[in-house]
Amino acid sequence: MKAIAMIPFAICLLFSGDASAWNLRGHMEIAAIAWDQLTPATKARASQLLRLNPDYDRWVEGFSGREKSKAAFARAAGWADDIKKKNDYTDDGEKPSGPDSARNIGYRDKLMHRYWHYKDIPFSPDNTQTHDGPKPNAETQIIVFRDALASEASDDVRSYDLVWLLHLVGDVHQPLHATSRFTRDLPDGDRGGNDVKLCERPCRNELHAFWDNLFGAGTSTRAAINAARKIDDAPAGSAANEDVHAWIVESFELAKSDVYKPPIGVGGGPFTMTDTYKRKAKAVANERAAIAGARLAKLLNNALQ
């Protein structure tokens, strides 16, 4: 009986967590999709830069020589979340403060920069007053890192920028990393769905984590690479859009049309998911992964040519 009683709690823990747009599995799938669209020259340069990351040896452990480059590229997409658990990194909060919040100094930077992972475009369905999110954010940093990657910056800086780009391009294609919904129940915003509950307390299951975990909770790099092959190609022409702000607006509009929809009501919940909602959410996630991968590949092919 005790084991049975623990099942609902375990399910809730599976979907709990902070705002880390797509979980590790999702980020690795997006990177694997991108890898298959890189030019040989870009693959070679990206692989060279990734070897400078202090976690490189761990990323490629268990892979053969010819598999290592793709494995490292896929696993590197989770590094920006990995540092949240590293003892030598400082949690500088959810809001940027001071000039260090926007610096680009390579691996000497030991701040977590949680606020780089999203750009919240506000909206309200009940006319609650809204306010814009802070800068720097995911949009500003993608542009900074993209431009630095194509510059004469040191390889240390470009390696750091590459691993952040692998992560952030995926982040901004997650609808809940592009918005905060303001309602009378949540007048300060719902933090991209982190404050919208899907079950009663003390269960921590919430809307943002549900969307993050749509690719599953596995952490195997090989499994993620194999799963990425099963995702349909991005819609024709979607990779041609190189406007970072437009990517975020796309995600914002999807949040309004496909995330905050029944059974998700106005306010903080708790709301009960339906099978119809889950199926639609998974389809949206797969398409966003395909588009993110294609756009990431184009960005890197341009920057590292």
C-alpha atoms as a PDB file:
ATOM      1  CA  MET A   1       0.000   0.000   0.000  1.00  0.00           C
ATOM      2  CA  LYS A   2       2.855   2.369   0.796  1.00  0.00           C
ATOM      3  CA  ALA A   3       4.356   1.901  -2.686  1.00  0.00           C
ATOM      4  CA  ILE A   4       0.999   2.575  -4.332  1.00  0.00           C
ATOM      5  CA  ALA A   5       0.525   5.720  -2.270  1.00  0.00           C
ATOM      6  CA  MET A   6       3.861   7.041  -3.496  1.00  0.00           C
ATOM      7  CA  ILE A   7       2.922   6.807  -7.199  1.00  0.00           C
ATOM      8  CA  PRO A   8       1.052  10.153  -7.463  1.00  0.00           C
ATOM      9  CA  PHE A   9       3.888  11.862  -5.589  1.00  0.00           C
ATOM     10  CA  ALA A  10       6.487  10.402  -7.946  1.00  0.00           C
ATOM     11  CA  ILE A  11       4.513  11.512 -10.976  1.00  0.00           C
ATOM     12  CA  CYS A  12       4.353  15.038  -9.604  1.00  0.00           C
ATOM     13  CA  LEU A  13       8.095  15.096  -8.991  1.00  0.00           C
ATOM     14  CA  LEU A  14       8.690  14.036 -12.586  1.00  0.00           C
ATOM     15  CA  PHE A  15       7.127  17.260 -13.786  1.00  0.00           C
ATOM     16  CA  SER A  16       8.492  19.573 -11.101  1.00  0.00           C
ATOM     17  CA  GLY A  17      11.385  21.965 -11.465  1.00  0.00           C
ATOM     18  CA  ASP A  18      12.353  25.500 -12.321  1.00  0.00           C
ATOM     19  CA  ALA A  19      12.156  27.255 -15.658  1.00  0.00           C
ATOM     20  CA  SER A  20      14.592  25.253 -17.750  1.00  0.00           C
ATOM     21  CA  ALA A  21      12.819  25.200 -21.093  1.00  0.00           C
ATOM     22  CA  TRP A  22      12.614  21.783 -22.450  1.00  0.00           C
ATOM     23  CA  ASN A  23      14.356  19.323 -20.188  1.00  0.00           C
ATOM     24  CA  LEU A  24      17.708  17.743 -21.034  1.00  0.00           C
ATOM     25  CA  ARG A  25      16.108  15.206 -23.384  1.00  0.00           C
ATOM     26  CA  GLY A  26      14.351  17.932 -25.370  1.00  0.00           C
ATOM     27  CA  HIS A  27      17.453  20.094 -25.685  1.00  0.00           C
ATOM     28  CA  MET A  28      19.513  17.127 -26.853  1.00  0.00           C
ATOM     29  CA  GLU A  29      16.932  16.208 -29.495  1.00  0.00           C
ATOM     30  CA  ILE A  30      16.933  19.767 -30.865  1.00  0.00           C
ATOM     31  CA  ALA A  31      20.739  19.785 -31.019  1.00  0.00           C
ATOM     32  CA  ALA A  32      20.766  16.388 -32.747  1.00  0.00           C
ATOM     33  CA  ILE A  33      18.341  17.710 -35.356  1.00  0.00           C
ATOM     34  CA  ALA A  34      20.616  20.710 -35.902  1.00  0.00           C
ATOM     35  CA  TRP A  35      23.762  18.566 -36.183  1.00  0.00           C
ATOM     36  CA  ASP A  36      22.373  16.666 -39.159  1.00  0.00           C
ATOM     37  CA  GLN A  37      21.911  19.984 -40.997  1.00  0.00           C
ATOM     38  CA  LEU A  38      25.387  21.396 -40.368  1.00  0.00           C
ATOM     39  CA  THR A  39      27.984  21.612 -43.094  1.00  0.00           C
ATOM     40  CA  PRO A  40      31.138  19.471 -42.663  1.00  0.00           C
ATOM     41  CA  ALA A  41      33.165  22.606 -41.972  1.00  0.00           C
ATOM     42  CA  THR A  42      30.745  23.770 -39.296  1.00  0.00           C
ATOM     43  CA  LYS A  43      30.746  20.336 -37.659  1.00  0.00           C
ATOM     44  CA  ALA A  44      34.536  20.350 -37.527  1.00  0.00           C
ATOM     45  CA  ARG A  45      34.745  23.856 -36.038  1.00  0.00           C
ATOM     46  CA  ALA A  46      31.951  23.247 -33.543  1.00  0.00           C
ATOM     47  CA  SER A  47      33.611  20.022 -32.402  1.00  0.00           C
ATOM     48  CA  GLN A  48      36.911  21.848 -31.937  1.00  0.00           C
ATOM     49  CA  LEU A  49      35.236  24.505 -29.775  1.00  0.00           C
ATOM     50  CA  LEU A  50      33.278  22.012 -27.674  1.00  0.00           C
ATOM     51  CA  ARG A  51      36.492  20.257 -26.640  1.00  0.00           C
ATOM     52  CA  LEU A  52      37.322  23.372 -24.611  1.00  0.00           C
ATOM     53  CA  ASN A  53      34.321  22.872 -22.328  1.00  0.00           C
ATOM     54  CA  PRO A  54      35.352  21.389 -18.959  1.00  0.00           C
ATOM     55  CA  ASP A  55      32.628  18.733 -19.209  1.00  0.00           C
ATOM     56  CA  TYR A  56      33.623  17.462 -22.664  1.00  0.00           C
ATOM     57  CA  ASP A  57      35.154  14.174 -21.487  1.00  0.00           C
ATOM     58  CA  ARG A  58      31.995  13.319 -19.565  1.00  0.00           C
ATOM     59  CA  TRP A  59      29.811  14.113 -22.579  1.00  0.00           C
ATOM     60  CA  VAL A  60      31.607  11.648 -24.857  1.00  0.00           C
ATOM     61  CA  GLU A  61      32.154   8.845 -22.363  1.00  0.00           C
ATOM     62  CA  GLY A  62      30.993   5.534 -23.840  1.00  0.00           C
ATOM     63  CA  PHE A  63      30.933   6.737 -27.457  1.00  0.00           C
ATOM     64  CA  SER A  64      33.233   5.531 -30.211  1.00  0.00           C
ATOM     65  CA  GLY A  65      35.589   7.926 -31.966  1.00  0.00           C
ATOM     66  CA  ARG A  66      33.292   8.634 -34.891  1.00  0.00           C
ATOM     67  CA  GLU A  67      30.285   9.127 -32.570  1.00  0.00           C
ATOM     68  CA  LYS A  68      31.911  11.568 -30.183  1.00  0.00           C
ATOM     69  CA  SER A  69      31.408  14.792 -32.116  1.00  0.00           C
ATOM     70  CA  LYS A  70      27.626  14.409 -32.455  1.00  0.00           C
ATOM     71  CA  ALA A  71      27.287  13.105 -28.900  1.00  0.00           C
ATOM     72  CA  ALA A  72      29.182  16.094 -27.496  1.00  0.00           C
ATOM     73  CA  PHE A  73      27.157  18.520 -29.599  1.00  0.00           C
ATOM     74  CA  ALA A  74      23.866  17.025 -28.399  1.00  0.00           C
ATOM     75  CA  ARG A  75      24.863  16.797 -24.738  1.00  0.00           C
ATOM     76  CA  ALA A  76      26.371  20.303 -24.728  1.00  0.00           C
ATOM     77  CA  ALA A  77      22.866  21.672 -25.290  1.00  0.00           C
ATOM     78  CA  GLY A  78      22.109  20.939 -21.640  1.00  0.00           C
ATOM     79  CA  TRP A  79      25.195  22.617 -20.184  1.00  0.00           C
ATOM     80  CA  ALA A  80      23.450  25.932 -19.445  1.00  0.00           C
ATOM     81  CA  ASP A  81      21.123  24.014 -17.121  1.00  0.00           C
ATOM     82  CA  ASP A  82      23.921  21.807 -15.742  1.00  0.00           C
ATOM     83  CA  ILE A  83      25.671  24.811 -14.210  1.00  0.00           C
ATOM     84  CA  LYS A  84      22.655  25.434 -11.961  1.00  0.00           C
ATOM     85  CA  LYS A  85      23.818  22.408  -9.973  1.00  0.00           C
ATOM     86  CA  LYS A  86      27.551  23.164  -9.968  1.00  0.00           C
ATOM     87  CA  ASN A  87      29.099  24.294  -6.689  1.00  0.00           C
ATOM     88  CA  ASP A  88      31.544  26.657  -8.391  1.00  0.00           C
ATOM     89  CA  TYR A  89      28.745  28.682 -10.029  1.00  0.00           C
ATOM     90  CA  THR A  90      26.932  31.498  -8.253  1.00  0.00           C
ATOM     91  CA  ASP A  91      23.160  31.794  -8.397  1.00  0.00           C
ATOM     92  CA  ASP A  92      22.724  35.461  -9.238  1.00  0.00           C
ATOM     93  CA  GLY A  93      18.938  35.276  -9.180  1.00  0.00           C
ATOM     94  CA  GLU A  94      16.095  35.484 -11.667  1.00  0.00           C
ATOM     95  CA  LYS A  95      16.524  39.199 -12.353  1.00  0.00           C
ATOM     96  CA  PRO A  96      19.638  40.771 -13.908  1.00  0.00           C
ATOM     97  CA  SER A  97      21.504  43.264 -11.787  1.00  0.00           C
ATOM     98  CA  GLY A  98      24.529  45.301 -12.787  1.00  0.00           C
ATOM     99  CA  PRO A  99      26.983  45.067 -15.684  1.00  0.00           C
ATOM    100  CA  ASP A 100      28.003  41.467 -14.936  1.00  0.00           C
ATOM    101  CA  SER A 101      24.558  40.255 -16.001  1.00  0.00           C
ATOM    102  CA  ALA A 102      25.321  40.929 -19.681  1.00  0.00           C
ATOM    103  CA  ARG A 103      29.032  40.142 -19.846  1.00  0.00           C
ATOM    104  CA  ASN A 104      30.525  37.720 -22.357  1.00  0.00           C
ATOM    105  CA  ILE A 105      33.867  36.607 -20.955  1.00  0.00           C
ATOM    106  CA  GLY A 106      33.901  32.871 -21.616  1.00  0.00           C
ATOM    107  CA  TYR A 107      34.299  30.177 -18.988  1.00  0.00           C
ATOM    108  CA  ARG A 108      35.695  32.665 -16.470  1.00  0.00           C
ATOM    109  CA  ASP A 109      32.067  33.675 -15.975  1.00  0.00           C
ATOM    110  CA  LYS A 110      30.817  31.727 -12.951  1.00  0.00           C
ATOM    111  CA  LEU A 111      27.310  33.212 -12.791  1.00  0.00           C
ATOM    112  CA  MET A 112      24.287  31.028 -13.581  1.00  0.00           C
ATOM    113  CA  HIS A 113      22.433  33.770 -15.510  1.00  0.00           C
ATOM    114  CA  ARG A 114      18.980  32.200 -15.072  1.00  0.00           C
ATOM    115  CA  TYR A 115      17.408  35.279 -16.722  1.00  0.00           C
ATOM    116  CA  TRP A 116      19.172  34.472 -20.017  1.00  0.00           C
ATOM    117  CA  HIS A 117      16.857  31.493 -20.558  1.00  0.00           C
ATOM    118  CA  TYR A 118      13.683  33.365 -21.493  1.00  0.00           C
ATOM    119  CA  LYS A 119      12.095  36.580 -22.693  1.00  0.00           C
ATOM    120  CA  ASP A 120       8.668  37.129 -21.190  1.00  0.00           C
ATOM    121  CA  ILE A 121       6.218  39.017 -23.403  1.00  0.00           C
ATOM    122  CA  PRO A 122       3.348  39.882 -21.054  1.00  0.00           C
ATOM    123  CA  PHE A 123      -0.368  39.544 -21.679  1.00  0.00           C
ATOM    124  CA  SER A 124      -3.540  39.488 -19.621  1.00  0.00           C
ATOM    125  CA  PRO A 125      -6.870  37.799 -20.445  1.00  0.00           C
ATOM    126  CA  ASP A 126      -8.707  39.759 -17.720  1.00  0.00           C
ATOM    127  CA  ASN A 127      -7.186  43.241 -18.158  1.00  0.00           C
ATOM    128  CA  THR A 128      -4.789  42.958 -15.227  1.00  0.00           C
ATOM    129  CA  GLN A 129      -1.968  45.485 -15.557  1.00  0.00           C
ATOM    130  CA  THR A 130       1.183  43.941 -17.043  1.00  0.00           C
ATOM    131  CA  HIS A 131       4.849  44.844 -17.164  1.00  0.00           C
ATOM    132  CA  ASP A 132       7.699  43.906 -19.482  1.00  0.00           C
ATOM    133  CA  GLY A 133      10.385  41.403 -18.542  1.00  0.00           C
ATOM    134  CA  PRO A 134      13.980  42.448 -17.821  1.00  0.00           C
ATOM    135  CA  LYS A 135      17.052  42.751 -20.008  1.00  0.00           C
ATOM    136  CA  PRO A 136      19.366  41.031 -20.708  1.00  0.00           C
ATOM    137  CA  ASN A 137      17.272  38.046 -21.682  1.00  0.00           C
ATOM    138  CA  ALA A 138      17.254  35.168 -24.156  1.00  0.00           C
ATOM    139  CA  GLU A 139      16.790  37.457 -27.140  1.00  0.00           C
ATOM    140  CA  THR A 140      19.622  39.839 -26.278  1.00  0.00           C
ATOM    141  CA  GLN A 141      22.011  36.989 -25.488  1.00  0.00           C
ATOM    142  CA  ILE A 142      21.333  34.926 -28.607  1.00  0.00           C
ATOM    143  CA  ILE A 143      22.256  37.990 -30.648  1.00  0.00           C
ATOM    144  CA  VAL A 144      25.374  38.699 -28.538  1.00  0.00           C
ATOM    145  CA  PHE A 145      26.592  35.101 -28.713  1.00  0.00           C
ATOM    146  CA  ARG A 146      25.786  34.694 -32.413  1.00  0.00           C
ATOM    147  CA  ASP A 147      27.725  37.826 -33.296  1.00  0.00           C
ATOM    148  CA  ALA A 148      30.673  36.868 -31.077  1.00  0.00           C
ATOM    149  CA  LEU A 149      30.790  33.381 -32.570  1.00  0.00           C
ATOM    150  CA  ALA A 150      31.286  34.947 -35.999  1.00  0.00           C
ATOM    151  CA  SER A 151      33.910  37.401 -34.710  1.00  0.00           C
ATOM    152  CA  GLU A 152      37.599  37.234 -33.849  1.00  0.00           C
ATOM    153  CA  ALA A 153      36.843  36.545 -30.185  1.00  0.00           C
ATOM    154  CA  SER A 154      39.013  34.002 -28.370  1.00  0.00           C
ATOM    155  CA  ASP A 155      38.150  30.337 -28.726  1.00  0.00           C
ATOM    156  CA  ASP A 156      37.360  30.218 -25.010  1.00  0.00           C
ATOM    157  CA  VAL A 157      34.676  32.858 -25.473  1.00  0.00           C
ATOM    158  CA  ARG A 158      33.364  31.260 -28.644  1.00  0.00           C
ATOM    159  CA  SER A 159      33.178  27.840 -26.997  1.00  0.00           C
ATOM    160  CA  TYR A 160      31.187  29.340 -24.125  1.00  0.00           C
ATOM    161  CA  ASP A 161      28.931  31.166 -26.588  1.00  0.00           C
ATOM    162  CA  LEU A 162      28.376  28.006 -28.618  1.00  0.00           C
ATOM    163  CA  VAL A 163      27.132  25.950 -25.678  1.00  0.00           C
ATOM    164  CA  TRP A 164      24.810  28.772 -24.652  1.00  0.00           C
ATOM    165  CA  LEU A 165      23.471  29.089 -28.199  1.00  0.00           C
ATOM    166  CA  LEU A 166      22.807  25.353 -28.372  1.00  0.00           C
ATOM    167  CA  HIS A 167      20.609  25.836 -25.324  1.00  0.00           C
ATOM    168  CA  LEU A 168      19.001  29.235 -25.849  1.00  0.00           C
ATOM    169  CA  VAL A 169      17.783  28.665 -29.396  1.00  0.00           C
ATOM    170  CA  GLY A 170      15.916  25.676 -28.015  1.00  0.00           C
ATOM    171  CA  ASP A 171      14.658  27.707 -25.070  1.00  0.00           C
ATOM    172  CA  VAL A 172      12.994  30.416 -27.125  1.00  0.00           C
ATOM    173  CA  HIS A 173      11.050  27.837 -29.136  1.00  0.00           C
ATOM    174  CA  GLN A 174       9.327  26.641 -25.954  1.00  0.00           C
ATOM    175  CA  PRO A 175       6.123  28.734 -25.808  1.00  0.00           C
ATOM    176  CA  LEU A 176       6.306  29.283 -22.057  1.00  0.00           C
ATOM    177  CA  HIS A 177       9.774  30.821 -22.346  1.00  0.00           C
ATOM    178  CA  ALA A 178       8.274  33.678 -24.301  1.00  0.00           C
ATOM    179  CA  THR A 179       5.494  34.917 -22.048  1.00  0.00           C
ATOM    180  CA  SER A 180       4.136  35.653 -18.612  1.00  0.00           C
ATOM    181  CA  ARG A 181       0.373  35.722 -18.112  1.00  0.00           C
ATOM    182  CA  PHE A 182      -0.983  38.338 -15.710  1.00  0.00           C
ATOM    183  CA  THR A 183      -4.341  37.715 -14.025  1.00  0.00           C
ATOM    184  CA  ARG A 184      -6.174  38.923 -10.937  1.00  0.00           C
ATOM    185  CA  ASP A 185      -5.006  35.761  -9.136  1.00  0.00           C
ATOM    186  CA  LEU A 186      -1.403  36.290 -10.317  1.00  0.00           C
ATOM    187  CA  PRO A 187      -0.949  40.076 -10.578  1.00  0.00           C
ATOM    188  CA  ASP A 188       2.852  39.789 -10.858  1.00  0.00           C
ATOM    189  CA  GLY A 189       2.634  37.291 -13.725  1.00  0.00           C
ATOM    190  CA  ASP A 190       2.713  33.500 -13.706  1.00  0.00           C
ATOM    191  CA  ARG A 191       6.451  33.235 -14.531  1.00  0.00           C
ATOM    192  CA  GLY A 192       5.876  31.417 -17.798  1.00  0.00           C
ATOM    193  CA  GLY A 193       3.371  28.996 -16.291  1.00  0.00           C
ATOM    194  CA  ASN A 194       5.556  28.108 -13.294  1.00  0.00           C
ATOM    195  CA  ASP A 195       2.824  29.395 -10.981  1.00  0.00           C
ATOM    196  CA  VAL A 196      -0.032  27.577 -12.768  1.00  0.00           C
ATOM    197  CA  LYS A 197      -0.684  24.361 -10.860  1.00  0.00           C
ATOM    198  CA  LEU A 198      -1.957  21.120 -12.331  1.00  0.00           C
ATOM    199  CA  CYS A 199      -2.637  19.372  -9.020  1.00  0.00           C
ATOM    200  CA  GLU A 200      -3.396  20.170  -5.397  1.00  0.00           C
ATOM    201  CA  ARG A 201      -0.650  20.978  -2.903  1.00  0.00           C
ATOM    202  CA  PRO A 202       1.838  19.614  -1.889  1.00  0.00           C
ATOM    203  CA  CYS A 203       2.223  18.166  -5.400  1.00  0.00           C
ATOM    204  CA  ARG A 204       4.534  20.453  -7.425  1.00  0.00           C
ATOM    205  CA  ASN A 205       3.209  19.546 -10.864  1.00  0.00           C
ATOM    206  CA  GLU A 206       2.774  22.778 -12.838  1.00  0.00           C
ATOM    207  CA  LEU A 207       2.176  23.966 -16.385  1.00  0.00           C
ATOM    208  CA  HIS A 208       5.710  25.035 -17.264  1.00  0.00           C
ATOM    209  CA  ALA A 209       7.214  21.713 -16.177  1.00  0.00           C
ATOM    210  CA  PHE A 210       4.544  19.814 -18.112  1.00  0.00           C
ATOM    211  CA  TRP A 211       5.663  21.526 -21.321  1.00  0.00           C
ATOM    212  CA  ASP A 212       9.357  21.126 -20.483  1.00  0.00           C
ATOM    213  CA  ASN A 213       8.897  17.361 -20.123  1.00  0.00           C
ATOM    214  CA  LEU A 214       6.973  16.670 -23.331  1.00  0.00           C
ATOM    215  CA  PHE A 215       9.987  14.840 -24.805  1.00  0.00           C
ATOM    216  CA  GLY A 216      10.211  12.516 -21.794  1.00  0.00           C
ATOM    217  CA  ALA A 217      12.470  12.485 -18.782  1.00  0.00           C
ATOM    218  CA  GLY A 218      15.347  10.335 -20.073  1.00  0.00           C
ATOM    219  CA  THR A 219      18.922  11.591 -19.911  1.00  0.00           C
ATOM    220  CA  SER A 220      20.593   9.192 -22.375  1.00  0.00           C
ATOM    221  CA  THR A 221      22.368  11.080 -25.150  1.00  0.00           C
ATOM    222  CA  ARG A 222      22.167   8.089 -27.479  1.00  0.00           C
ATOM    223  CA  ALA A 223      18.410   7.718 -26.905  1.00  0.00           C
ATOM    224  CA  ALA A 224      17.876  11.428 -27.596  1.00  0.00           C
ATOM    225  CA  ILE A 225      19.840  11.230 -30.862  1.00  0.00           C
ATOM    226  CA  ASN A 226      17.769   8.234 -31.953  1.00  0.00           C
ATOM    227  CA  ALA A 227      14.496   9.920 -30.979  1.00  0.00           C
ATOM    228  CA  ALA A 228      15.407  13.055 -32.936  1.00  0.00           C
ATOM    229  CA  ARG A 229      15.472  11.020 -36.148  1.00  0.00           C
ATOM    230  CA  LYS A 230      11.760  10.267 -35.719  1.00  0.00           C
ATOM    231  CA  ILE A 231      10.687  13.932 -35.605  1.00  0.00           C
ATOM    232  CA  ASP A 232       9.297  15.240 -38.887  1.00  0.00           C
ATOM    233  CA  ASP A 233      11.245  17.889 -40.760  1.00  0.00           C
ATOM    234  CA  ALA A 234      10.547  21.542 -40.023  1.00  0.00           C
ATOM    235  CA  PRO A 235       7.899  23.201 -42.212  1.00  0.00           C
ATOM    236  CA  ALA A 236       9.343  24.430 -45.488  1.00  0.00           C
ATOM    237  CA  GLY A 237      10.883  27.877 -45.237  1.00  0.00           C
ATOM    238  CA  SER A 238      10.853  28.090 -41.428  1.00  0.00           C
ATOM    239  CA  ALA A 239      14.651  27.993 -41.172  1.00  0.00           C
ATOM    240  CA  ALA A 240      14.925  30.991 -43.482  1.00  0.00           C
ATOM    241  CA  ASN A 241      13.578  33.206 -40.707  1.00  0.00           C
ATOM    242  CA  GLU A 242      16.722  34.448 -38.926  1.00  0.00           C
ATOM    243  CA  ASP A 243      14.948  37.123 -36.845  1.00  0.00           C
ATOM    244  CA  VAL A 244      15.380  36.130 -33.182  1.00  0.00           C
ATOM    245  CA  HIS A 245      12.592  38.450 -32.072  1.00  0.00           C
ATOM    246  CA  ALA A 246      10.236  36.821 -34.586  1.00  0.00           C
ATOM    247  CA  TRP A 247      11.049  33.382 -33.128  1.00  0.00           C
ATOM    248  CA  ILE A 248      10.024  34.628 -29.702  1.00  0.00           C
ATOM    249  CA  VAL A 249       6.825  36.220 -30.988  1.00  0.00           C
ATOM    250  CA  GLU A 250       5.940  32.877 -32.609  1.00  0.00           C
ATOM    251  CA  SER A 251       6.329  31.163 -29.245  1.00  0.00           C
ATOM    252  CA  PHE A 252       4.325  33.904 -27.528  1.00  0.00           C
ATOM    253  CA  GLU A 253       1.436  33.471 -29.960  1.00  0.00           C
ATOM    254  CA  LEU A 254       1.551  29.691 -29.504  1.00  0.00           C
ATOM    255  CA  ALA A 255       1.406  30.169 -25.734  1.00  0.00           C
ATOM    256  CA  LYS A 256      -1.804  32.143 -26.098  1.00  0.00           C
ATOM    257  CA  SER A 257      -3.391  29.795 -28.644  1.00  0.00           C
ATOM    258  CA  ASP A 258      -2.134  26.343 -27.597  1.00  0.00           C
ATOM    259  CA  VAL A 259      -0.863  26.508 -24.010  1.00  0.00           C
ATOM    260  CA  TYR A 260      -3.352  28.709 -22.190  1.00  0.00           C
ATOM    261  CA  LYS A 261      -6.380  26.887 -23.558  1.00  0.00           C
ATOM    262  CA  PRO A 262      -8.969  24.618 -21.932  1.00  0.00           C
ATOM    263  CA  PRO A 263      -8.610  22.863 -19.592  1.00  0.00           C
ATOM    264  CA  ILE A 264      -6.107  25.572 -18.547  1.00  0.00           C
ATOM    265  CA  GLY A 265      -8.310  28.353 -17.225  1.00  0.00           C
ATOM    266  CA  VAL A 266      -7.605  31.864 -16.003  1.00  0.00           C
ATOM    267  CA  GLY A 267      -5.587  32.054 -12.800  1.00  0.00           C
ATOM    268  CA  GLY A 268      -3.263  29.721 -10.953  1.00  0.00           C
ATOM    269  CA  GLY A 269      -5.292  26.513 -10.955  1.00  0.00           C
ATOM    270  CA  PRO A 270      -5.110  23.691 -10.150  1.00  0.00           C
ATOM    271  CA  PHE A 271      -6.319  22.467 -13.539  1.00  0.00           C
ATOM    272  CA  THR A 272      -6.729  18.872 -14.730  1.00  0.00           C
ATOM    273  CA  MET A 273      -5.081  17.871 -18.001  1.00  0.00           C
ATOM    274  CA  THR A 274      -7.039  16.070 -20.719  1.00  0.00           C
ATOM    275  CA  ASP A 275      -5.758  13.524 -23.221  1.00  0.00           C
ATOM    276  CA  THR A 276      -6.710  15.889 -26.049  1.00  0.00           C
ATOM    277  CA  TYR A 277      -4.586  18.677 -24.566  1.00  0.00           C
ATOM    278  CA  LYS A 278      -1.635  16.311 -24.057  1.00  0.00           C
ATOM    279  CA  ARG A 279      -1.735  15.050 -27.668  1.00  0.00           C
ATOM    280  CA  LYS A 280      -1.889  18.571 -29.082  1.00  0.00           C
ATOM    281  CA  ALA A 281       0.906  19.754 -26.796  1.00  0.00           C
ATOM    282  CA  LYS A 282       3.174  16.927 -27.927  1.00  0.00           C
ATOM    283  CA  ALA A 283       2.517  17.760 -31.592  1.00  0.00           C
ATOM    284  CA  VAL A 284       3.340  21.425 -30.951  1.00  0.00           C
ATOM    285  CA  ALA A 285       6.526  20.466 -29.088  1.00  0.00           C
ATOM    286  CA  ASN A 286       7.733  18.213 -31.903  1.00  0.00           C
ATOM    287  CA  GLU A 287       7.187  20.911 -34.513  1.00  0.00           C
ATOM    288  CA  ARG A 288       8.933  23.533 -32.384  1.00  0.00           C
ATOM    289  CA  ALA A 289      11.881  21.167 -31.910  1.00  0.00           C
ATOM    290  CA  ALA A 290      12.159  20.635 -35.660  1.00  0.00           C
ATOM    291  CA  ILE A 291      12.026  24.377 -36.329  1.00  0.00           C
ATOM    292  CA  ALA A 292      14.504  25.168 -33.526  1.00  0.00           C
ATOM    293  CA  GLY A 293      16.942  22.573 -34.858  1.00  0.00           C
ATOM    294  CA  ALA A 294      16.752  23.901 -38.400  1.00  0.00           C
ATOM    295  CA  ARG A 295      17.218  27.501 -37.274  1.00  0.00           C
ATOM    296  CA  LEU A 296      20.079  26.587 -34.968  1.00  0.00           C
ATOM    297  CA  ALA A 297      21.838  24.818 -37.834  1.00  0.00           C
ATOM    298  CA  LYS A 298      21.434  27.829 -40.109  1.00  0.00           C
ATOM    299  CA  LEU A 299      22.707  30.189 -37.414  1.00  0.00           C
ATOM    300  CA  LEU A 300      25.810  28.071 -36.808  1.00  0.00           C
ATOM    301  CA  ASN A 301      26.503  27.461 -40.494  1.00  0.00           C
ATOM    302  CA  ASN A 302      26.484  31.225 -40.982  1.00  0.00           C
ATOM    303  CA  ALA A 303      28.568  32.028 -37.906  1.00  0.00           C
ATOM    304  CA  LEU A 304      31.201  29.309 -38.257  1.00  0.00           C
ATOM    305  CA  GLN A 305      31.625  29.229 -42.030  1.00  0.00           C
END
